[in-house]
C-alpha cells in the first residue's frame, strides 16, 4: 500500500471520531443531566490546558526510537479515558476523563503531521492529499452520527468516540517505521535543546502567532453562525448546506491546490488566508442574504485551510529538526487550544451584546494575525 494512502487512513481514523464527537458529545453530556454551563466547562477545559500538556507530550514522544510508537500509546490512552466516562458518574469525574482523553487524542494529529511532512518530502507525494482523506472522514463522522442519532440513543456517541480512538491507535502501526532521532544525538539532549531553541526562535514564535490567531478567528463562526442564521430565518437545510460547503471546499483545496501551494511562499499562504478571513468576517457581520452566504462560505478554503497548510510549512521551516515534534504540537496547542479558547470566551459576550456585529471582533483579531505574518514576510 502506498505511503500516502497509509497516512491518509491514519488521519481518517482520527477524524472520523472527532467528526462525531465534536458536534455531538454535548448530546451525551446533556443526556446524563449536565447543564449547559457544565458542558461548556468540560468542552473548553482541554482547549485551555493543551498549551502546556501538548508540548510536554511532544517532548515525551521524542524519547522513543520510532515516531509511530507514541502515536499508538496516545491513541490507546485516549480510548481508555473516553471508555472510563461510561463507568464513572458526576461532573468532576467526567471533566477529568474528557480532559485527559481530548488532550491525548489532540496530540496525535500534530505528531502525525511531523511524520507525514517528512515522509512526503522524502518520497515525493502530496501530504495534503493524505490530510484530505482525514477531512473527508470528518464529514462522514458528522453526517453518519447525525443520521444514527435519529434512531439510536446518545450512548452511541461515546461508543463511537472510544472505537475511533482505538482505530487511530491501530492505524498508527500501518505507518512506516520512521526513526525519531537521526545521527548520534541522544534523545534527552535533543529534547531539552530543542525546547530551549524554540523559545529563543523569534521567526518561529511569529509564525505561531500569525497563523494561530488567524485560525482562531473562526471561533465566533463555530459557536454562533447557526444561531445567527436562524435569526435571519434561514432554514435548517440551508444551514446544513452552508456548513457542508465549508468542509467540501476545504477538501478541494487539499486535493487540488498542491500546484498553487508549491508556487507560493508559506508566509504568503498564511497572509492570503488572513485576507480571506477579513473579507469573510466583515461581510458576515452585516447579515448578508442567503445567496451571498454561499461564496462567503467558500472562503473557508482560504481563511482556515490556507492558513493551516501555510503554518505547517512555516513551523517545519523555522523549527530545528531536533525540535520538530515539540514545534508542531506547540503550534497546534496555540491555534487549536489557547488562542481559539480565548476567542471562544470572547465570542459569547460579543454575541450577547452585538449579535452578528460580533464578527467584527474576529476581524480585529485577523488584523493582529496579519501583522505578525507581515513581519515574517519582510524577513529576507
Protein backbone atom coordinates (compact mmCIF):
# COMPACT_ATOMS: atom_id res chain seq x y z
CA UNK A 1 0.00 0.00 0.00
CA UNK A 2 1.42 3.45 -0.92
CA UNK A 3 2.67 5.53 1.99
CA UNK A 4 0.33 8.37 1.03
CA UNK A 5 -2.70 6.09 1.42
CA UNK A 6 -1.44 4.63 4.70
CA UNK A 7 -1.02 8.15 6.04
CA UNK A 8 -4.48 9.09 4.78
CA UNK A 9 -6.09 6.12 6.54
CA UNK A 10 -4.31 7.14 9.73
CA UNK A 11 -5.83 10.63 9.51
CA UNK A 12 -9.21 9.11 8.64
CA UNK A 13 -9.11 7.04 11.83
CA UNK A 14 -8.51 10.18 13.88
CA UNK A 15 -11.03 12.48 12.25
CA UNK A 16 -13.92 10.07 11.85
CA UNK A 17 -14.01 10.15 15.64
CA UNK A 18 -13.72 13.89 16.09
CA UNK A 19 -16.28 14.41 13.32
CA UNK A 20 -18.79 12.64 15.53
CA UNK A 21 -17.67 13.79 18.98
CA UNK A 22 -17.08 17.47 18.26
CA UNK A 23 -20.71 18.34 17.48
CA UNK A 24 -22.46 15.51 19.34
CA UNK A 25 -20.67 14.79 22.63
CA UNK A 26 -22.72 17.63 24.21
CA UNK A 27 -25.78 15.48 23.39
CA UNK A 28 -24.33 12.67 25.51
CA UNK A 29 -23.46 15.01 28.38
CA UNK A 30 -26.95 16.53 28.22
CA UNK A 31 -28.47 13.06 28.39
CA UNK A 32 -26.51 12.48 31.62
CA UNK A 33 -28.24 15.51 33.16
CA UNK A 34 -25.48 18.15 32.90
CA UNK A 35 -26.40 21.80 32.43
CA UNK A 36 -25.27 23.92 29.52
CA UNK A 37 -22.77 25.73 31.72
CA UNK A 38 -21.25 22.46 32.94
CA UNK A 39 -20.98 21.13 29.38
CA UNK A 40 -19.27 24.35 28.31
CA UNK A 41 -16.66 24.00 31.04
CA UNK A 42 -15.93 20.38 30.09
CA UNK A 43 -15.54 21.23 26.41
CA UNK A 44 -13.40 24.33 26.99
CA UNK A 45 -11.03 22.73 29.52
CA UNK A 46 -8.89 20.76 27.00
CA UNK A 47 -8.54 23.85 24.79
CA UNK A 48 -7.09 25.89 27.64
CA UNK A 49 -4.64 23.32 29.03
CA UNK A 50 -3.30 22.00 25.70
CA UNK A 51 -0.83 24.89 25.58
CA UNK A 52 1.01 23.16 28.47
CA UNK A 53 0.14 19.48 28.08
CA UNK A 54 0.68 19.03 24.32
CA UNK A 55 4.30 20.32 24.25
CA UNK A 56 5.05 18.14 27.27
CA UNK A 57 3.64 15.11 25.47
CA UNK A 58 5.69 16.01 22.38
CA UNK A 59 8.89 16.11 24.43
CA UNK A 60 7.91 12.74 25.88
CA UNK A 61 7.19 11.37 22.38
CA UNK A 62 10.66 12.34 21.17
CA UNK A 63 12.12 9.92 23.71
CA UNK A 64 11.09 6.92 21.59
CA UNK A 65 13.04 5.32 18.78
CA UNK A 66 10.19 5.30 16.24
CA UNK A 67 7.65 8.07 15.64
CA UNK A 68 4.70 5.70 15.41
CA UNK A 69 5.20 4.21 18.88
CA UNK A 70 3.94 7.21 20.92
CA UNK A 71 1.04 7.58 18.45
CA UNK A 72 -0.16 4.11 19.41
CA UNK A 73 0.22 4.81 23.14
CA UNK A 74 -1.63 8.14 22.88
CA UNK A 75 -4.50 6.57 20.93
CA UNK A 76 -4.79 3.72 23.39
CA UNK A 77 -4.68 6.10 26.35
CA UNK A 78 -7.40 8.27 24.80
CA UNK A 79 -9.62 5.21 24.28
CA UNK A 80 -9.19 4.21 27.93
CA UNK A 81 -10.00 7.74 29.15
CA UNK A 82 -13.09 8.00 26.95
CA UNK A 83 -14.18 4.50 27.93
CA UNK A 84 -13.93 5.41 31.61
CA UNK A 85 -16.62 8.04 31.05
CA UNK A 86 -19.17 5.25 30.72
CA UNK A 87 -18.11 3.71 34.04
CA UNK A 88 -17.96 6.83 36.23
CA UNK A 89 -20.52 9.44 37.16
CA UNK A 90 -20.55 13.11 38.08
CA UNK A 91 -19.40 16.40 36.66
CA UNK A 92 -15.88 16.37 38.08
CA UNK A 93 -15.23 12.76 37.09
CA UNK A 94 -16.43 13.36 33.53
CA UNK A 95 -14.41 16.57 33.36
CA UNK A 96 -11.21 14.73 34.32
CA UNK A 97 -11.80 11.85 31.89
CA UNK A 98 -12.75 14.08 28.96
CA UNK A 99 -9.82 16.41 29.65
CA UNK A 100 -7.36 13.51 29.59
CA UNK A 101 -8.84 11.84 26.52
CA UNK A 102 -9.10 15.05 24.48
CA UNK A 103 -5.54 16.11 25.31
CA UNK A 104 -4.12 12.69 24.37
CA UNK A 105 -6.08 12.42 21.13
CA UNK A 106 -5.46 16.08 20.27
CA UNK A 107 -1.71 15.49 20.36
CA UNK A 108 -1.80 12.63 17.85
CA UNK A 109 -2.57 14.79 14.78
CA UNK A 110 0.35 17.28 15.12
CA UNK A 111 2.75 14.42 15.85
CA UNK A 112 1.38 12.71 12.75
CA UNK A 113 1.96 15.94 10.81
CA UNK A 114 5.66 15.80 11.67
CA UNK A 115 5.87 12.26 10.33
CA UNK A 116 3.68 12.98 7.30
CA UNK A 117 5.61 16.06 6.21
CA UNK A 118 8.91 14.22 6.46
CA UNK A 119 7.63 11.21 4.51
CA UNK A 120 6.02 13.34 1.78
CA UNK A 121 9.19 15.35 1.31
CA UNK A 122 11.36 12.23 1.04
CA UNK A 123 9.02 10.11 -1.10
CA UNK A 124 7.62 12.94 -3.21
CA UNK A 125 3.88 12.51 -2.61
CA UNK A 126 1.44 15.31 -1.77
CA UNK A 127 0.95 15.46 2.00
CA UNK A 128 -2.25 17.48 1.50
CA UNK A 129 -3.84 14.54 -0.35
CA UNK A 130 -3.43 12.34 2.70
CA UNK A 131 -4.73 15.04 5.02
CA UNK A 132 -7.73 15.49 2.73
CA UNK A 133 -8.77 11.88 3.39
CA UNK A 134 -8.94 12.84 7.07
CA UNK A 135 -11.20 15.81 6.29
CA UNK A 136 -13.46 13.55 4.24
CA UNK A 137 -13.67 11.14 7.19
CA UNK A 138 -14.60 14.07 9.44
CA UNK A 139 -17.60 14.78 7.20
CA UNK A 140 -18.52 11.08 7.22
CA UNK A 141 -18.40 11.01 11.02
CA UNK A 142 -20.51 14.14 11.27
CA UNK A 143 -23.19 13.01 8.83
CA UNK A 144 -23.16 9.40 10.00
CA UNK A 145 -23.60 10.24 13.65
CA UNK A 146 -26.33 12.77 12.89
CA UNK A 147 -28.27 10.14 10.96
CA UNK A 148 -27.80 7.41 13.57
CA UNK A 149 -28.90 9.62 16.45
CA UNK A 150 -32.31 9.95 14.86
CA UNK A 151 -32.97 6.29 15.72
CA UNK A 152 -30.41 5.38 18.42
CA UNK A 153 -29.61 6.62 21.94
CA UNK A 154 -26.90 9.23 22.73
CA UNK A 155 -24.71 6.48 24.23
CA UNK A 156 -23.70 5.77 20.64
CA UNK A 157 -21.63 8.98 20.63
CA UNK A 158 -19.44 7.67 23.43
CA UNK A 159 -19.09 4.20 21.89
CA UNK A 160 -18.11 5.77 18.55
CA UNK A 161 -15.55 8.05 20.20
CA UNK A 162 -13.92 5.16 22.07
CA UNK A 163 -13.86 2.97 18.97
CA UNK A 164 -12.35 5.72 16.82
CA UNK A 165 -9.55 6.31 19.35
CA UNK A 166 -8.75 2.58 19.29
CA UNK A 167 -8.83 2.66 15.50
CA UNK A 168 -6.37 5.58 15.49
CA UNK A 169 -4.02 3.61 17.74
CA UNK A 170 -4.17 0.58 15.44
CA UNK A 171 -3.78 2.71 12.30
CA UNK A 172 -0.52 4.13 13.67
CA UNK A 173 1.08 0.71 13.17
CA UNK A 174 0.35 1.00 9.47
CA UNK A 175 2.74 3.95 9.24
CA UNK A 176 6.37 3.45 8.17
CA UNK A 177 8.90 2.84 10.99
CA UNK A 178 10.38 6.33 10.77
CA UNK A 179 13.10 6.99 13.40
CA UNK A 180 12.70 9.95 15.73
CA UNK A 181 16.37 10.83 16.00
CA UNK A 182 18.95 10.90 13.26
CA UNK A 183 22.68 10.59 13.74
CA UNK A 184 24.22 10.30 17.16
CA UNK A 185 22.11 12.82 19.09
CA UNK A 186 20.81 11.34 22.30
CA UNK A 187 17.07 11.63 22.87
CA UNK A 188 17.44 13.52 26.14
CA UNK A 189 19.92 16.03 24.75
CA UNK A 190 17.81 16.61 21.61
CA UNK A 191 14.59 17.13 23.58
CA UNK A 192 16.00 19.61 26.06
CA UNK A 193 17.99 21.52 23.47
CA UNK A 194 15.06 21.58 21.07
CA UNK A 195 12.65 23.10 23.57
CA UNK A 196 15.10 25.83 24.54
CA UNK A 197 15.83 26.60 20.89
CA UNK A 198 12.13 27.07 20.12
CA UNK A 199 11.61 29.60 22.90
CA UNK A 200 14.51 31.69 21.55
CA UNK A 201 13.41 31.40 17.91
CA UNK A 202 11.71 34.72 17.01
CA UNK A 203 10.59 33.71 13.48
CA UNK A 204 9.07 30.54 14.91
CA UNK A 205 7.14 32.49 17.54
CA UNK A 206 5.94 34.97 14.90
CA UNK A 207 4.76 32.07 12.72
CA UNK A 208 2.76 30.62 15.61
CA UNK A 209 1.24 34.00 16.46
CA UNK A 210 0.34 34.93 12.89
CA UNK A 211 -1.17 31.67 11.67
CA UNK A 212 -2.59 30.66 15.06
CA UNK A 213 -4.52 33.87 15.62
CA UNK A 214 -5.96 33.79 12.08
CA UNK A 215 -7.15 30.21 12.57
CA UNK A 216 -8.61 31.11 15.99
CA UNK A 217 -10.81 33.82 14.44
CA UNK A 218 -13.15 31.00 13.37
CA UNK A 219 -14.33 30.72 16.99
CA UNK A 220 -17.29 33.09 16.58
CA UNK A 221 -18.36 31.28 13.39
CA UNK A 222 -18.14 27.84 15.05
CA UNK A 223 -20.08 28.92 18.09
CA UNK A 224 -22.77 31.26 16.79
CA UNK A 225 -23.20 31.12 13.00
CA UNK A 226 -26.11 28.68 13.17
CA UNK A 227 -27.91 30.78 15.78
CA UNK A 228 -27.45 33.95 13.74
CA UNK A 229 -28.65 32.29 10.54
CA UNK A 230 -31.76 31.10 12.36
CA UNK A 231 -32.39 34.71 13.37
CA UNK A 232 -32.33 35.52 9.66
CA UNK A 233 -35.00 32.82 9.22
CA UNK A 234 -32.67 30.66 7.16
CA UNK A 235 -33.93 27.07 7.22
CA UNK A 236 -32.09 24.18 8.83
CA UNK A 237 -31.45 22.52 5.49
CA UNK A 238 -29.64 25.59 4.19
CA UNK A 239 -27.64 25.91 7.41
CA UNK A 240 -26.51 22.31 6.92
CA UNK A 241 -25.60 23.02 3.31
CA UNK A 242 -23.61 26.09 4.30
CA UNK A 243 -21.60 24.16 6.88
CA UNK A 244 -21.11 21.27 4.46
CA UNK A 245 -19.87 23.61 1.75
CA UNK A 246 -17.18 24.93 4.10
CA UNK A 247 -15.80 21.42 4.61
CA UNK A 248 -16.09 20.45 0.94
CA UNK A 249 -14.06 23.44 -0.29
CA UNK A 250 -11.51 22.63 2.40
CA UNK A 251 -11.11 19.14 0.97
CA UNK A 252 -10.94 20.50 -2.58
CA UNK A 253 -8.16 22.86 -1.54
CA UNK A 254 -6.22 19.97 -0.03
CA UNK A 255 -6.63 17.65 -3.02
CA UNK A 256 -6.34 20.05 -5.94
CA UNK A 257 -4.41 23.03 -4.61
CA UNK A 258 -0.96 21.44 -4.44
CA UNK A 259 0.38 23.12 -7.63
CA UNK A 260 -0.62 26.51 -6.23
CA UNK A 261 0.88 25.84 -2.81
CA UNK A 262 4.20 24.82 -4.33
CA UNK A 263 4.48 28.22 -6.03
CA UNK A 264 3.59 30.38 -3.03
CA UNK A 265 5.78 31.02 -0.02
CA UNK A 266 4.09 29.76 3.18
CA UNK A 267 4.17 33.27 4.66
CA UNK A 268 2.05 34.46 1.76
CA UNK A 269 -0.21 31.43 2.09
CA UNK A 270 -1.00 32.46 5.67
CA UNK A 271 -1.46 36.07 4.55
CA UNK A 272 -3.90 35.00 1.82
CA UNK A 273 -5.85 33.08 4.44
CA UNK A 274 -5.89 36.17 6.65
CA UNK A 275 -7.12 38.36 3.80
CA UNK A 276 -9.95 35.89 3.11
CA UNK A 277 -10.84 35.93 6.81
CA UNK A 278 -11.01 39.73 6.77
CA UNK A 279 -13.50 39.65 3.91
CA UNK A 280 -15.48 36.77 5.37
CA UNK A 281 -15.96 38.04 8.94
CA UNK A 282 -16.57 41.64 7.92
CA UNK A 283 -19.25 40.60 5.43
CA UNK A 284 -20.93 38.19 7.87
CA UNK A 285 -21.11 40.96 10.46
CA UNK A 286 -23.77 42.66 8.32
CA UNK A 287 -26.03 39.58 7.95
CA UNK A 288 -25.79 39.17 4.17
CA UNK A 289 -28.59 37.41 2.26
CA UNK A 290 -28.57 33.68 1.64
CA UNK A 291 -27.24 33.90 -1.93
CA UNK A 292 -24.13 35.74 -0.70
CA UNK A 293 -23.52 33.32 2.18
CA UNK A 294 -22.51 30.53 -0.21
CA UNK A 295 -19.49 32.34 -1.76
CA UNK A 296 -18.55 33.60 1.70
CA UNK A 297 -18.56 30.01 2.96
CA UNK A 298 -16.36 29.01 0.04
CA UNK A 299 -13.71 31.32 1.53
CA UNK A 300 -13.26 28.69 4.27
CA UNK A 301 -10.80 27.00 1.92
CA UNK A 302 -8.54 30.04 2.37
CA UNK A 303 -9.43 31.50 5.77
CA UNK A 304 -8.85 28.17 7.51
CA UNK A 305 -7.12 25.65 5.27
CA UNK A 306 -4.66 28.00 3.55
CA UNK A 307 -3.68 29.38 6.95
CA UNK A 308 -3.30 25.86 8.35
CA UNK A 309 -1.24 24.50 5.46
CA UNK A 310 0.94 27.61 5.45
CA UNK A 311 1.51 27.22 9.19
CA UNK A 312 2.69 23.61 8.79
CA UNK A 313 5.32 24.68 6.27
CA UNK A 314 6.39 27.66 8.37
CA UNK A 315 6.78 25.63 11.54
CA UNK A 316 8.76 23.00 9.66
CA UNK A 317 10.99 25.72 8.19
CA UNK A 318 11.75 27.64 11.36
CA UNK A 319 11.96 24.78 13.87
CA UNK A 320 15.25 22.85 14.08
CA UNK A 321 14.95 19.14 13.18
CA UNK A 322 15.57 18.01 16.75
CA UNK A 323 12.53 20.03 17.89
CA UNK A 324 10.07 19.14 15.11
CA UNK A 325 7.59 17.31 17.35
CA UNK A 326 7.56 19.99 20.04
CA UNK A 327 7.23 22.71 17.40
CA UNK A 328 4.19 21.26 15.63
CA UNK A 329 2.40 20.36 18.86
CA UNK A 330 3.08 23.80 20.33
CA UNK A 331 1.67 25.41 17.18
CA UNK A 332 -1.38 23.15 17.31
CA UNK A 333 -1.86 23.83 21.03
CA UNK A 334 -1.84 27.58 20.42
CA UNK A 335 -4.08 27.66 17.34
CA UNK A 336 -6.45 24.87 18.37
CA UNK A 337 -6.20 25.41 22.10
CA UNK A 338 -5.16 28.64 23.78
CA UNK A 339 -5.99 31.12 21.01
CA UNK A 340 -9.31 29.63 19.99
CA UNK A 341 -10.21 29.04 23.63
CA UNK A 342 -9.71 32.72 24.41
CA UNK A 343 -11.55 33.69 21.22
CA UNK A 344 -14.44 31.44 22.22
CA UNK A 345 -14.64 33.04 25.65
CA UNK A 346 -14.69 36.45 23.96
CA UNK A 347 -17.29 35.39 21.40
CA UNK A 348 -20.07 34.75 23.91
CA UNK A 349 -20.21 38.32 25.27
CA UNK A 350 -19.81 39.69 21.73
CA UNK A 351 -22.80 37.66 20.57
CA UNK A 352 -24.93 38.73 23.55
CA UNK A 353 -24.07 42.41 23.14
CA UNK A 354 -23.85 42.87 19.38
CA UNK A 355 -25.31 39.86 17.60
CA UNK A 356 -23.88 39.45 14.10
CA UNK A 357 -21.71 42.54 14.56
CA UNK A 358 -19.67 40.41 16.95
CA UNK A 359 -17.94 39.07 13.83
CA UNK A 360 -16.09 42.39 13.75
CA UNK A 361 -14.22 41.22 16.83
CA UNK A 362 -12.86 38.40 14.66
CA UNK A 363 -11.96 40.99 12.01
CA UNK A 364 -9.87 42.81 14.60
CA UNK A 365 -8.16 39.54 15.62
CA UNK A 366 -7.38 38.82 11.98
CA UNK A 367 -5.57 42.14 11.68
CA UNK A 368 -3.37 41.11 14.62
CA UNK A 369 -2.52 37.82 12.92
CA UNK A 370 -1.80 39.55 9.64
CA UNK A 371 0.51 41.98 11.42
CA UNK A 372 2.63 39.13 12.79
CA UNK A 373 2.64 37.46 9.38
CA UNK A 374 3.73 40.70 7.70
CA UNK A 375 6.79 40.76 9.96
CA UNK A 376 7.71 37.31 8.64
CA UNK A 377 7.18 38.35 5.02
CA UNK A 378 9.53 41.28 5.49
CA UNK A 379 12.34 38.96 6.56
CA UNK A 380 14.91 38.12 3.84
